[in-house]
Amino acid sequence: MYKVKSLQAEQLTEALSLVWEVFCRFEAPEYSQEGIAEFRNFLNNKEEIGKLDFYGAFDKASDIVGVLAMRKPSHISLFFVKAEYHRQGIGRQLFEKMLSDYQLQGIGVFTVNSSPYAV
């Protein structure tokens, strides 16, 4: 079981680094150079990133091993887990934490645009 919680602003650099690392390994091979650059620009856009609610999953050493970010009102914008932690239920834990928080706000329908690898 991993600790899953909302991330604070000072944790976003580590979270975005994880997103970029996982994107480069699993998603980028399916993207054009323009698409890769666009994703990188999004991650570097402090204004857009500041609009997201981030959740992180932490291992025993308190390192972030998974990230889920929500764009209000109900869109899953980023959802990444480090490769060595795949198939351990981290994505499910992240999703369930977000779901419980958002259901408290009366939100029950979510959208997501999935990558070819995630499908």
PDB file of N, CA and C in Angstrom:
ATOM      1  N   MET A   1       0.843  -1.178   0.000  1.00  0.00           N
ATOM      2  CA  MET A   1       0.000   0.000   0.000  1.00  0.00           C
ATOM      3  C   MET A   1       0.888   1.240   0.000  1.00  0.00           C
ATOM      4  N   TYR A   2       0.531   2.181  -0.814  1.00  0.00           N
ATOM      5  CA  TYR A   2       1.285   3.416  -0.943  1.00  0.00           C
ATOM      6  C   TYR A   2       0.481   4.557  -0.331  1.00  0.00           C
ATOM      7  N   LYS A   3       1.179   5.550   0.158  1.00  0.00           N
ATOM      8  CA  LYS A   3       0.508   6.727   0.693  1.00  0.00           C
ATOM      9  C   LYS A   3       0.124   7.617  -0.483  1.00  0.00           C
ATOM     10  N   VAL A   4      -1.147   8.004  -0.552  1.00  0.00           N
ATOM     11  CA  VAL A   4      -1.652   8.852  -1.625  1.00  0.00           C
ATOM     12  C   VAL A   4      -2.272  10.084  -0.992  1.00  0.00           C
ATOM     13  N   LYS A   5      -1.860  11.250  -1.503  1.00  0.00           N
ATOM     14  CA  LYS A   5      -2.391  12.497  -0.947  1.00  0.00           C
ATOM     15  C   LYS A   5      -2.303  13.611  -1.980  1.00  0.00           C
ATOM     16  N   SER A   6      -2.992  14.696  -1.682  1.00  0.00           N
ATOM     17  CA  SER A   6      -2.888  15.895  -2.515  1.00  0.00           C
ATOM     18  C   SER A   6      -1.481  16.449  -2.399  1.00  0.00           C
ATOM     19  N   LEU A   7      -0.965  16.951  -3.519  1.00  0.00           N
ATOM     20  CA  LEU A   7       0.383  17.507  -3.511  1.00  0.00           C
ATOM     21  C   LEU A   7       0.356  19.002  -3.223  1.00  0.00           C
ATOM     22  N   GLN A   8       1.406  19.452  -2.577  1.00  0.00           N
ATOM     23  CA  GLN A   8       1.602  20.872  -2.298  1.00  0.00           C
ATOM     24  C   GLN A   8       2.456  21.472  -3.417  1.00  0.00           C
ATOM     25  N   ALA A   9       2.441  22.787  -3.518  1.00  0.00           N
ATOM     26  CA  ALA A   9       3.161  23.487  -4.585  1.00  0.00           C
ATOM     27  C   ALA A   9       4.638  23.098  -4.624  1.00  0.00           C
ATOM     28  N   GLU A  10       5.256  22.933  -3.472  1.00  0.00           N
ATOM     29  CA  GLU A  10       6.682  22.615  -3.440  1.00  0.00           C
ATOM     30  C   GLU A  10       6.987  21.189  -3.923  1.00  0.00           C
ATOM     31  N   GLN A  11       5.979  20.363  -4.100  1.00  0.00           N
ATOM     32  CA  GLN A  11       6.170  18.998  -4.584  1.00  0.00           C
ATOM     33  C   GLN A  11       5.966  18.884  -6.095  1.00  0.00           C
ATOM     34  N   LEU A  12       5.533  19.956  -6.732  1.00  0.00           N
ATOM     35  CA  LEU A  12       5.200  19.878  -8.156  1.00  0.00           C
ATOM     36  C   LEU A  12       6.406  19.651  -9.049  1.00  0.00           C
ATOM     37  N   THR A  13       7.556  20.180  -8.695  1.00  0.00           N
ATOM     38  CA  THR A  13       8.749  19.962  -9.527  1.00  0.00           C
ATOM     39  C   THR A  13       9.058  18.472  -9.620  1.00  0.00           C
ATOM     40  N   GLU A  14       9.021  17.782  -8.492  1.00  0.00           N
ATOM     41  CA  GLU A  14       9.276  16.338  -8.490  1.00  0.00           C
ATOM     42  C   GLU A  14       8.185  15.591  -9.258  1.00  0.00           C
ATOM     43  N   ALA A  15       6.936  16.004  -9.067  1.00  0.00           N
ATOM     44  CA  ALA A  15       5.816  15.357  -9.758  1.00  0.00           C
ATOM     45  C   ALA A  15       5.919  15.532 -11.271  1.00  0.00           C
ATOM     46  N   LEU A  16       6.230  16.735 -11.719  1.00  0.00           N
ATOM     47  CA  LEU A  16       6.329  16.997 -13.156  1.00  0.00           C
ATOM     48  C   LEU A  16       7.538  16.300 -13.769  1.00  0.00           C
ATOM     49  N   SER A  17       8.583  16.135 -12.998  1.00  0.00           N
ATOM     50  CA  SER A  17       9.743  15.373 -13.463  1.00  0.00           C
ATOM     51  C   SER A  17       9.360  13.908 -13.705  1.00  0.00           C
ATOM     52  N   LEU A  18       8.584  13.350 -12.806  1.00  0.00           N
ATOM     53  CA  LEU A  18       8.092  11.975 -12.980  1.00  0.00           C
ATOM     54  C   LEU A  18       7.227  11.885 -14.233  1.00  0.00           C
ATOM     55  N   VAL A  19       6.326  12.837 -14.409  1.00  0.00           N
ATOM     56  CA  VAL A  19       5.449  12.842 -15.593  1.00  0.00           C
ATOM     57  C   VAL A  19       6.288  12.846 -16.867  1.00  0.00           C
ATOM     58  N   TRP A  20       7.283  13.724 -16.923  1.00  0.00           N
ATOM     59  CA  TRP A  20       8.120  13.824 -18.121  1.00  0.00           C
ATOM     60  C   TRP A  20       8.895  12.531 -18.358  1.00  0.00           C
ATOM     61  N   GLU A  21       9.454  11.959 -17.300  1.00  0.00           N
ATOM     62  CA  GLU A  21      10.219  10.708 -17.411  1.00  0.00           C
ATOM     63  C   GLU A  21       9.349   9.590 -17.985  1.00  0.00           C
ATOM     64  N   VAL A  22       8.155   9.423 -17.442  1.00  0.00           N
ATOM     65  CA  VAL A  22       7.266   8.348 -17.892  1.00  0.00           C
ATOM     66  C   VAL A  22       6.754   8.640 -19.302  1.00  0.00           C
ATOM     67  N   PHE A  23       6.422   9.891 -19.572  1.00  0.00           N
ATOM     68  CA  PHE A  23       5.985  10.270 -20.915  1.00  0.00           C
ATOM     69  C   PHE A  23       7.053   9.918 -21.954  1.00  0.00           C
ATOM     70  N   CYS A  24       8.291  10.289 -21.673  1.00  0.00           N
ATOM     71  CA  CYS A  24       9.372  10.036 -22.631  1.00  0.00           C
ATOM     72  C   CYS A  24       9.562   8.548 -22.904  1.00  0.00           C
ATOM     73  N   ARG A  25       9.392   7.756 -21.888  1.00  0.00           N
ATOM     74  CA  ARG A  25       9.615   6.311 -22.048  1.00  0.00           C
ATOM     75  C   ARG A  25       8.464   5.616 -22.768  1.00  0.00           C
ATOM     76  N   PHE A  26       7.228   5.965 -22.408  1.00  0.00           N
ATOM     77  CA  PHE A  26       6.094   5.197 -22.905  1.00  0.00           C
ATOM     78  C   PHE A  26       5.235   5.913 -23.942  1.00  0.00           C
ATOM     79  N   GLU A  27       5.165   7.222 -23.889  1.00  0.00           N
ATOM     80  CA  GLU A  27       4.263   7.957 -24.772  1.00  0.00           C
ATOM     81  C   GLU A  27       4.972   8.575 -25.969  1.00  0.00           C
ATOM     82  N   ALA A  28       6.112   9.184 -25.735  1.00  0.00           N
ATOM     83  CA  ALA A  28       6.814   9.932 -26.783  1.00  0.00           C
ATOM     84  C   ALA A  28       7.059   9.119 -28.056  1.00  0.00           C
ATOM     85  N   PRO A  29       7.348   7.819 -27.959  1.00  0.00           N
ATOM     86  CA  PRO A  29       7.569   7.066 -29.210  1.00  0.00           C
ATOM     87  C   PRO A  29       6.376   7.088 -30.173  1.00  0.00           C
ATOM     88  N   GLU A  30       5.186   7.360 -29.658  1.00  0.00           N
ATOM     89  CA  GLU A  30       3.982   7.399 -30.488  1.00  0.00           C
ATOM     90  C   GLU A  30       3.666   8.812 -30.985  1.00  0.00           C
ATOM     91  N   TYR A  31       4.423   9.812 -30.531  1.00  0.00           N
ATOM     92  CA  TYR A  31       4.149  11.209 -30.843  1.00  0.00           C
ATOM     93  C   TYR A  31       5.132  11.744 -31.887  1.00  0.00           C
ATOM     94  N   SER A  32       4.703  12.780 -32.599  1.00  0.00           N
ATOM     95  CA  SER A  32       5.605  13.511 -33.483  1.00  0.00           C
ATOM     96  C   SER A  32       6.495  14.398 -32.623  1.00  0.00           C
ATOM     97  N   GLN A  33       7.566  14.920 -33.216  1.00  0.00           N
ATOM     98  CA  GLN A  33       8.426  15.850 -32.481  1.00  0.00           C
ATOM     99  C   GLN A  33       7.624  17.077 -32.036  1.00  0.00           C
ATOM    100  N   GLU A  34       6.697  17.505 -32.880  1.00  0.00           N
ATOM    101  CA  GLU A  34       5.849  18.643 -32.533  1.00  0.00           C
ATOM    102  C   GLU A  34       4.968  18.307 -31.318  1.00  0.00           C
ATOM    103  N   GLY A  35       4.431  17.100 -31.290  1.00  0.00           N
ATOM    104  CA  GLY A  35       3.594  16.672 -30.166  1.00  0.00           C
ATOM    105  C   GLY A  35       4.382  16.580 -28.869  1.00  0.00           C
ATOM    106  N   ILE A  36       5.603  16.073 -28.957  1.00  0.00           N
ATOM    107  CA  ILE A  36       6.467  15.986 -27.778  1.00  0.00           C
ATOM    108  C   ILE A  36       6.781  17.383 -27.255  1.00  0.00           C
ATOM    109  N   ALA A  37       7.111  18.293 -28.157  1.00  0.00           N
ATOM    110  CA  ALA A  37       7.420  19.672 -27.763  1.00  0.00           C
ATOM    111  C   ALA A  37       6.193  20.342 -27.130  1.00  0.00           C
ATOM    112  N   GLU A  38       5.032  20.079 -27.677  1.00  0.00           N
ATOM    113  CA  GLU A  38       3.799  20.662 -27.137  1.00  0.00           C
ATOM    114  C   GLU A  38       3.541  20.162 -25.712  1.00  0.00           C
ATOM    115  N   PHE A  39       3.759  18.877 -25.488  1.00  0.00           N
ATOM    116  CA  PHE A  39       3.567  18.336 -24.144  1.00  0.00           C
ATOM    117  C   PHE A  39       4.572  18.956 -23.171  1.00  0.00           C
ATOM    118  N   ARG A  40       5.818  19.073 -23.595  1.00  0.00           N
ATOM    119  CA  ARG A  40       6.848  19.689 -22.746  1.00  0.00           C
ATOM    120  C   ARG A  40       6.487  21.131 -22.425  1.00  0.00           C
ATOM    121  N   ASN A  41       6.002  21.868 -23.424  1.00  0.00           N
ATOM    122  CA  ASN A  41       5.580  23.250 -23.196  1.00  0.00           C
ATOM    123  C   ASN A  41       4.445  23.319 -22.174  1.00  0.00           C
ATOM    124  N   PHE A  42       3.520  22.386 -22.254  1.00  0.00           N
ATOM    125  CA  PHE A  42       2.427  22.337 -21.277  1.00  0.00           C
ATOM    126  C   PHE A  42       2.988  22.143 -19.864  1.00  0.00           C
ATOM    127  N   LEU A  43       3.905  21.197 -19.706  1.00  0.00           N
ATOM    128  CA  LEU A  43       4.487  20.941 -18.382  1.00  0.00           C
ATOM    129  C   LEU A  43       5.259  22.143 -17.852  1.00  0.00           C
ATOM    130  N   ASN A  44       5.808  22.959 -18.744  1.00  0.00           N
ATOM    131  CA  ASN A  44       6.568  24.140 -18.335  1.00  0.00           C
ATOM    132  C   ASN A  44       5.696  25.383 -18.160  1.00  0.00           C
ATOM    133  N   ASN A  45       4.427  25.299 -18.485  1.00  0.00           N
ATOM    134  CA  ASN A  45       3.519  26.435 -18.405  1.00  0.00           C
ATOM    135  C   ASN A  45       2.971  26.547 -16.974  1.00  0.00           C
ATOM    136  N   LYS A  46       3.587  27.392 -16.179  1.00  0.00           N
ATOM    137  CA  LYS A  46       3.231  27.525 -14.765  1.00  0.00           C
ATOM    138  C   LYS A  46       1.772  27.933 -14.570  1.00  0.00           C
ATOM    139  N   GLU A  47       1.263  28.764 -15.466  1.00  0.00           N
ATOM    140  CA  GLU A  47      -0.134  29.189 -15.349  1.00  0.00           C
ATOM    141  C   GLU A  47      -1.084  28.005 -15.526  1.00  0.00           C
ATOM    142  N   GLU A  48      -0.870  27.210 -16.564  1.00  0.00           N
ATOM    143  CA  GLU A  48      -1.736  26.043 -16.804  1.00  0.00           C
ATOM    144  C   GLU A  48      -1.564  24.980 -15.717  1.00  0.00           C
ATOM    145  N   ILE A  49      -0.341  24.723 -15.341  1.00  0.00           N
ATOM    146  CA  ILE A  49      -0.081  23.724 -14.284  1.00  0.00           C
ATOM    147  C   ILE A  49      -0.708  24.179 -12.975  1.00  0.00           C
ATOM    148  N   GLY A  50      -0.702  25.483 -12.734  1.00  0.00           N
ATOM    149  CA  GLY A  50      -1.291  26.025 -11.515  1.00  0.00           C
ATOM    150  C   GLY A  50      -2.795  25.845 -11.422  1.00  0.00           C
ATOM    151  N   LYS A  51      -3.445  25.561 -12.527  1.00  0.00           N
ATOM    152  CA  LYS A  51      -4.893  25.337 -12.549  1.00  0.00           C
ATOM    153  C   LYS A  51      -5.263  23.900 -12.177  1.00  0.00           C
ATOM    154  N   LEU A  52      -4.274  23.029 -12.067  1.00  0.00           N
ATOM    155  CA  LEU A  52      -4.533  21.612 -11.833  1.00  0.00           C
ATOM    156  C   LEU A  52      -4.460  21.270 -10.350  1.00  0.00           C
ATOM    157  N   ASP A  53      -5.281  20.285  -9.953  1.00  0.00           N
ATOM    158  CA  ASP A  53      -5.187  19.684  -8.624  1.00  0.00           C
ATOM    159  C   ASP A  53      -4.367  18.413  -8.768  1.00  0.00           C
ATOM    160  N   PHE A  54      -3.249  18.327  -8.048  1.00  0.00           N
ATOM    161  CA  PHE A  54      -2.343  17.188  -8.153  1.00  0.00           C
ATOM    162  C   PHE A  54      -2.481  16.239  -6.972  1.00  0.00           C
ATOM    163  N   TYR A  55      -2.408  14.955  -7.291  1.00  0.00           N
ATOM    164  CA  TYR A  55      -2.329  13.900  -6.289  1.00  0.00           C
ATOM    165  C   TYR A  55      -1.036  13.134  -6.534  1.00  0.00           C
ATOM    166  N   GLY A  56      -0.437  12.656  -5.464  1.00  0.00           N
ATOM    167  CA  GLY A  56       0.782  11.878  -5.593  1.00  0.00           C
ATOM    168  C   GLY A  56       0.711  10.615  -4.776  1.00  0.00           C
ATOM    169  N   ALA A  57       1.357   9.568  -5.273  1.00  0.00           N
ATOM    170  CA  ALA A  57       1.526   8.319  -4.532  1.00  0.00           C
ATOM    171  C   ALA A  57       2.991   8.246  -4.118  1.00  0.00           C
ATOM    172  N   PHE A  58       3.215   7.883  -2.875  1.00  0.00           N
ATOM    173  CA  PHE A  58       4.560   7.888  -2.305  1.00  0.00           C
ATOM    174  C   PHE A  58       4.953   6.494  -1.844  1.00  0.00           C
ATOM    175  N   ASP A  59       6.224   6.143  -2.092  1.00  0.00           N
ATOM    176  CA  ASP A  59       6.744   4.863  -1.602  1.00  0.00           C
ATOM    177  C   ASP A  59       7.217   5.032  -0.157  1.00  0.00           C
ATOM    178  N   LYS A  60       7.794   3.982   0.389  1.00  0.00           N
ATOM    179  CA  LYS A  60       8.242   4.006   1.790  1.00  0.00           C
ATOM    180  C   LYS A  60       9.325   5.041   2.045  1.00  0.00           C
ATOM    181  N   ALA A  61      10.088   5.385   1.008  1.00  0.00           N
ATOM    182  CA  ALA A  61      11.154   6.386   1.147  1.00  0.00           C
ATOM    183  C   ALA A  61      10.623   7.801   0.931  1.00  0.00           C
ATOM    184  N   SER A  62       9.304   7.933   0.794  1.00  0.00           N
ATOM    185  CA  SER A  62       8.637   9.218   0.573  1.00  0.00           C
ATOM    186  C   SER A  62       8.952   9.843  -0.787  1.00  0.00           C
ATOM    187  N   ASP A  63       9.308   9.009  -1.756  1.00  0.00           N
ATOM    188  CA  ASP A  63       9.507   9.473  -3.127  1.00  0.00           C
ATOM    189  C   ASP A  63       8.183   9.349  -3.882  1.00  0.00           C
ATOM    190  N   ILE A  64       7.919  10.310  -4.755  1.00  0.00           N
ATOM    191  CA  ILE A  64       6.703  10.241  -5.566  1.00  0.00           C
ATOM    192  C   ILE A  64       6.891   9.171  -6.640  1.00  0.00           C
ATOM    193  N   VAL A  65       5.950   8.232  -6.695  1.00  0.00           N
ATOM    194  CA  VAL A  65       6.029   7.157  -7.684  1.00  0.00           C
ATOM    195  C   VAL A  65       4.846   7.169  -8.653  1.00  0.00           C
ATOM    196  N   GLY A  66       3.868   8.022  -8.386  1.00  0.00           N
ATOM    197  CA  GLY A  66       2.721   8.153  -9.269  1.00  0.00           C
ATOM    198  C   GLY A  66       2.080   9.513  -9.113  1.00  0.00           C
ATOM    199  N   VAL A  67       1.479   9.999 -10.210  1.00  0.00           N
ATOM    200  CA  VAL A  67       0.870  11.329 -10.227  1.00  0.00           C
ATOM    201  C   VAL A  67      -0.446  11.279 -10.988  1.00  0.00           C
ATOM    202  N   LEU A  68      -1.451  11.946 -10.449  1.00  0.00           N
ATOM    203  CA  LEU A  68      -2.708  12.171 -11.144  1.00  0.00           C
ATOM    204  C   LEU A  68      -3.020  13.652 -10.966  1.00  0.00           C
ATOM    205  N   ALA A  69      -3.371  14.338 -12.047  1.00  0.00           N
ATOM    206  CA  ALA A  69      -3.714  15.753 -11.964  1.00  0.00           C
ATOM    207  C   ALA A  69      -5.075  15.986 -12.609  1.00  0.00           C
ATOM    208  N   MET A  70      -5.865  16.799 -11.942  1.00  0.00           N
ATOM    209  CA  MET A  70      -7.222  17.100 -12.395  1.00  0.00           C
ATOM    210  C   MET A  70      -7.347  18.553 -12.822  1.00  0.00           C
ATOM    211  N   ARG A  71      -8.014  18.760 -13.960  1.00  0.00           N
ATOM    212  CA  ARG A  71      -8.400  20.094 -14.390  1.00  0.00           C
ATOM    213  C   ARG A  71      -9.886  20.221 -14.078  1.00  0.00           C
ATOM    214  N   LYS A  72     -10.224  21.230 -13.313  1.00  0.00           N
ATOM    215  CA  LYS A  72     -11.626  21.408 -12.906  1.00  0.00           C
ATOM    216  C   LYS A  72     -12.486  21.758 -14.102  1.00  0.00           C
ATOM    217  N   PRO A  73     -13.722  21.295 -14.143  1.00  0.00           N
ATOM    218  CA  PRO A  73     -14.350  20.673 -12.992  1.00  0.00           C
ATOM    219  C   PRO A  73     -14.118  19.172 -12.854  1.00  0.00           C
ATOM    220  N   SER A  74     -13.814  18.441 -13.951  1.00  0.00           N
ATOM    221  CA  SER A  74     -13.785  16.985 -13.796  1.00  0.00           C
ATOM    222  C   SER A  74     -13.004  16.261 -14.892  1.00  0.00           C
ATOM    223  N   HIS A  75     -11.872  16.824 -15.303  1.00  0.00           N
ATOM    224  CA  HIS A  75     -11.082  16.209 -16.373  1.00  0.00           C
ATOM    225  C   HIS A  75      -9.739  15.716 -15.834  1.00  0.00           C
ATOM    226  N   ILE A  76      -9.442  14.440 -16.069  1.00  0.00           N
ATOM    227  CA  ILE A  76      -8.144  13.888 -15.699  1.00  0.00           C
ATOM    228  C   ILE A  76      -7.148  14.354 -16.751  1.00  0.00           C
ATOM    229  N   SER A  77      -6.206  15.183 -16.329  1.00  0.00           N
ATOM    230  CA  SER A  77      -5.278  15.813 -17.260  1.00  0.00           C
ATOM    231  C   SER A  77      -3.956  15.056 -17.363  1.00  0.00           C
ATOM    232  N   LEU A  78      -3.442  14.594 -16.254  1.00  0.00           N
ATOM    233  CA  LEU A  78      -2.182  13.834 -16.216  1.00  0.00           C
ATOM    234  C   LEU A  78      -2.383  12.617 -15.319  1.00  0.00           C
ATOM    235  N   PHE A  79      -1.870  11.464 -15.762  1.00  0.00           N
ATOM    236  CA  PHE A  79      -2.012  10.237 -14.964  1.00  0.00           C
ATOM    237  C   PHE A  79      -0.833   9.341 -15.315  1.00  0.00           C
ATOM    238  N   PHE A  80       0.201   9.345 -14.474  1.00  0.00           N
ATOM    239  CA  PHE A  80       1.448   8.654 -14.766  1.00  0.00           C
ATOM    240  C   PHE A  80       1.976   7.937 -13.528  1.00  0.00           C
ATOM    241  N   VAL A  81       2.511   6.742 -13.740  1.00  0.00           N
ATOM    242  CA  VAL A  81       3.153   5.957 -12.682  1.00  0.00           C
ATOM    243  C   VAL A  81       4.515   5.513 -13.197  1.00  0.00           C
ATOM    244  N   LYS A  82       5.537   5.643 -12.340  1.00  0.00           N
ATOM    245  CA  LYS A  82       6.891   5.217 -12.724  1.00  0.00           C
ATOM    246  C   LYS A  82       6.874   3.770 -13.193  1.00  0.00           C
ATOM    247  N   ALA A  83       7.689   3.476 -14.188  1.00  0.00           N
ATOM    248  CA  ALA A  83       7.702   2.158 -14.823  1.00  0.00           C
ATOM    249  C   ALA A  83       7.878   1.019 -13.833  1.00  0.00           C
ATOM    250  N   GLU A  84       8.806   1.150 -12.912  1.00  0.00           N
ATOM    251  CA  GLU A  84       9.086   0.052 -11.986  1.00  0.00           C
ATOM    252  C   GLU A  84       7.967  -0.167 -10.961  1.00  0.00           C
ATOM    253  N   TYR A  85       6.970   0.710 -10.972  1.00  0.00           N
ATOM    254  CA  TYR A  85       5.834   0.587 -10.054  1.00  0.00           C
ATOM    255  C   TYR A  85       4.538   0.223 -10.773  1.00  0.00           C
ATOM    256  N   HIS A  86       4.614  -0.040 -12.082  1.00  0.00           N
ATOM    257  CA  HIS A  86       3.422  -0.464 -12.820  1.00  0.00           C
ATOM    258  C   HIS A  86       2.893  -1.770 -12.245  1.00  0.00           C
ATOM    259  N   ARG A  87       1.583  -1.962 -12.377  1.00  0.00           N
ATOM    260  CA  ARG A  87       0.895  -3.208 -12.010  1.00  0.00           C
ATOM    261  C   ARG A  87       0.952  -3.490 -10.503  1.00  0.00           C
ATOM    262  N   GLN A  88       1.020  -2.410  -9.695  1.00  0.00           N
ATOM    263  CA  GLN A  88       1.029  -2.573  -8.239  1.00  0.00           C
ATOM    264  C   GLN A  88      -0.162  -1.874  -7.582  1.00  0.00           C
ATOM    265  N   GLY A  89      -1.114  -1.412  -8.379  1.00  0.00           N
ATOM    266  CA  GLY A  89      -2.313  -0.793  -7.842  1.00  0.00           C
ATOM    267  C   GLY A  89      -2.187   0.688  -7.533  1.00  0.00           C
ATOM    268  N   ILE A  90      -1.073   1.293  -7.926  1.00  0.00           N
ATOM    269  CA  ILE A  90      -0.868   2.713  -7.623  1.00  0.00           C
ATOM    270  C   ILE A  90      -1.852   3.586  -8.385  1.00  0.00           C
ATOM    271  N   GLY A  91      -2.052   3.306  -9.655  1.00  0.00           N
ATOM    272  CA  GLY A  91      -3.023   4.070 -10.434  1.00  0.00           C
ATOM    273  C   GLY A  91      -4.412   3.990  -9.823  1.00  0.00           C
ATOM    274  N   ARG A  92      -4.788   2.819  -9.394  1.00  0.00           N
ATOM    275  CA  ARG A  92      -6.102   2.633  -8.766  1.00  0.00           C
ATOM    276  C   ARG A  92      -6.196   3.454  -7.480  1.00  0.00           C
ATOM    277  N   GLN A  93      -5.151   3.428  -6.667  1.00  0.00           N
ATOM    278  CA  GLN A  93      -5.154   4.203  -5.427  1.00  0.00           C
ATOM    279  C   GLN A  93      -5.259   5.702  -5.716  1.00  0.00           C
ATOM    280  N   LEU A  94      -4.510   6.178  -6.706  1.00  0.00           N
ATOM    281  CA  LEU A  94      -4.590   7.590  -7.079  1.00  0.00           C
ATOM    282  C   LEU A  94      -6.005   7.940  -7.529  1.00  0.00           C
ATOM    283  N   PHE A  95      -6.566   7.102  -8.392  1.00  0.00           N
ATOM    284  CA  PHE A  95      -7.909   7.356  -8.904  1.00  0.00           C
ATOM    285  C   PHE A  95      -8.935   7.345  -7.775  1.00  0.00           C
ATOM    286  N   GLU A  96      -8.850   6.381  -6.881  1.00  0.00           N
ATOM    287  CA  GLU A  96      -9.821   6.279  -5.790  1.00  0.00           C
ATOM    288  C   GLU A  96      -9.738   7.466  -4.839  1.00  0.00           C
ATOM    289  N   LYS A  97      -8.532   7.972  -4.566  1.00  0.00           N
ATOM    290  CA  LYS A  97      -8.379   9.152  -3.715  1.00  0.00           C
ATOM    291  C   LYS A  97      -9.018  10.367  -4.384  1.00  0.00           C
ATOM    292  N   MET A  98      -8.718  10.568  -5.664  1.00  0.00           N
ATOM    293  CA  MET A  98      -9.318  11.681  -6.398  1.00  0.00           C
ATOM    294  C   MET A  98     -10.828  11.524  -6.424  1.00  0.00           C
ATOM    295  N   LEU A  99     -11.312  10.332  -6.716  1.00  0.00           N
ATOM    296  CA  LEU A  99     -12.741  10.080  -6.806  1.00  0.00           C
ATOM    297  C   LEU A  99     -13.443  10.414  -5.497  1.00  0.00           C
ATOM    298  N   SER A 100     -12.888   9.999  -4.382  1.00  0.00           N
ATOM    299  CA  SER A 100     -13.527  10.284  -3.098  1.00  0.00           C
ATOM    300  C   SER A 100     -13.558  11.786  -2.831  1.00  0.00           C
ATOM    301  N   ASP A 101     -12.477  12.501  -3.154  1.00  0.00           N
ATOM    302  CA  ASP A 101     -12.445  13.952  -2.964  1.00  0.00           C
ATOM    303  C   ASP A 101     -13.469  14.648  -3.852  1.00  0.00           C
ATOM    304  N   TYR A 102     -13.540  14.257  -5.105  1.00  0.00           N
ATOM    305  CA  TYR A 102     -14.430  14.924  -6.050  1.00  0.00           C
ATOM    306  C   TYR A 102     -15.891  14.554  -5.823  1.00  0.00           C
ATOM    307  N   GLN A 103     -16.166  13.336  -5.367  1.00  0.00           N
ATOM    308  CA  GLN A 103     -17.547  12.960  -5.076  1.00  0.00           C
ATOM    309  C   GLN A 103     -18.088  13.769  -3.906  1.00  0.00           C
ATOM    310  N   LEU A 104     -17.216  14.139  -2.961  1.00  0.00           N
ATOM    311  CA  LEU A 104     -17.634  15.000  -1.864  1.00  0.00           C
ATOM    312  C   LEU A 104     -18.100  16.353  -2.375  1.00  0.00           C
ATOM    313  N   GLN A 105     -17.613  16.733  -3.557  1.00  0.00           N
ATOM    314  CA  GLN A 105     -18.007  17.999  -4.184  1.00  0.00           C
ATOM    315  C   GLN A 105     -19.209  17.809  -5.121  1.00  0.00           C
ATOM    316  N   GLY A 106     -19.742  16.597  -5.169  1.00  0.00           N
ATOM    317  CA  GLY A 106     -20.902  16.316  -6.004  1.00  0.00           C
ATOM    318  C   GLY A 106     -20.571  15.997  -7.445  1.00  0.00           C
ATOM    319  N   ILE A 107     -19.309  15.713  -7.735  1.00  0.00           N
ATOM    320  CA  ILE A 107     -18.888  15.400  -9.106  1.00  0.00           C
ATOM    321  C   ILE A 107     -18.751  13.895  -9.244  1.00  0.00           C
ATOM    322  N   GLY A 108     -19.414  13.328 -10.249  1.00  0.00           N
ATOM    323  CA  GLY A 108     -19.362  11.887 -10.419  1.00  0.00           C
ATOM    324  C   GLY A 108     -19.042  11.429 -11.828  1.00  0.00           C
ATOM    325  N   VAL A 109     -18.953  12.366 -12.766  1.00  0.00           N
ATOM    326  CA  VAL A 109     -18.633  12.024 -14.148  1.00  0.00           C
ATOM    327  C   VAL A 109     -17.324  12.712 -14.507  1.00  0.00           C
ATOM    328  N   PHE A 110     -16.401  11.946 -15.082  1.00  0.00           N
ATOM    329  CA  PHE A 110     -15.077  12.457 -15.404  1.00  0.00           C
ATOM    330  C   PHE A 110     -14.757  12.209 -16.866  1.00  0.00           C
ATOM    331  N   THR A 111     -13.867  13.045 -17.392  1.00  0.00           N
ATOM    332  CA  THR A 111     -13.389  12.841 -18.759  1.00  0.00           C
ATOM    333  C   THR A 111     -11.884  12.653 -18.732  1.00  0.00           C
ATOM    334  N   VAL A 112     -11.382  12.004 -19.777  1.00  0.00           N
ATOM    335  CA  VAL A 112      -9.947  11.795 -19.933  1.00  0.00           C
ATOM    336  C   VAL A 112      -9.665  11.566 -21.410  1.00  0.00           C
ATOM    337  N   ASN A 113      -8.543  12.053 -21.884  1.00  0.00           N
ATOM    338  CA  ASN A 113      -8.071  11.747 -23.233  1.00  0.00           C
ATOM    339  C   ASN A 113      -6.885  10.798 -23.062  1.00  0.00           C
ATOM    340  N   SER A 114      -7.060   9.573 -23.458  1.00  0.00           N
ATOM    341  CA  SER A 114      -6.025   8.566 -23.214  1.00  0.00           C
ATOM    342  C   SER A 114      -5.027   8.483 -24.355  1.00  0.00           C
ATOM    343  N   SER A 115      -3.814   8.165 -23.972  1.00  0.00           N
ATOM    344  CA  SER A 115      -2.750   7.948 -24.956  1.00  0.00           C
ATOM    345  C   SER A 115      -2.843   6.524 -25.503  1.00  0.00           C
ATOM    346  N   PRO A 116      -2.209   6.260 -26.642  1.00  0.00           N
ATOM    347  CA  PRO A 116      -2.226   4.889 -27.175  1.00  0.00           C
ATOM    348  C   PRO A 116      -1.638   3.873 -26.180  1.00  0.00           C
ATOM    349  N   TYR A 117      -0.573   4.238 -25.467  1.00  0.00           N
ATOM    350  CA  TYR A 117       0.024   3.297 -24.518  1.00  0.00           C
ATOM    351  C   TYR A 117      -0.932   2.979 -23.379  1.00  0.00           C
ATOM    352  N   ALA A 118      -1.629   3.981 -22.867  1.00  0.00           N
ATOM    353  CA  ALA A 118      -2.533   3.784 -21.728  1.00  0.00           C
ATOM    354  C   ALA A 118      -3.716   2.909 -22.078  1.00  0.00           C
ATOM    355  N   VAL A 119      -4.158   2.981 -23.335  1.00  0.00           N
ATOM    356  CA  VAL A 119      -5.295   2.167 -23.743  1.00  0.00           C
ATOM    357  C   VAL A 119      -4.903   0.702 -23.636  1.00  0.00           C
TER     358      VAL A 119
END
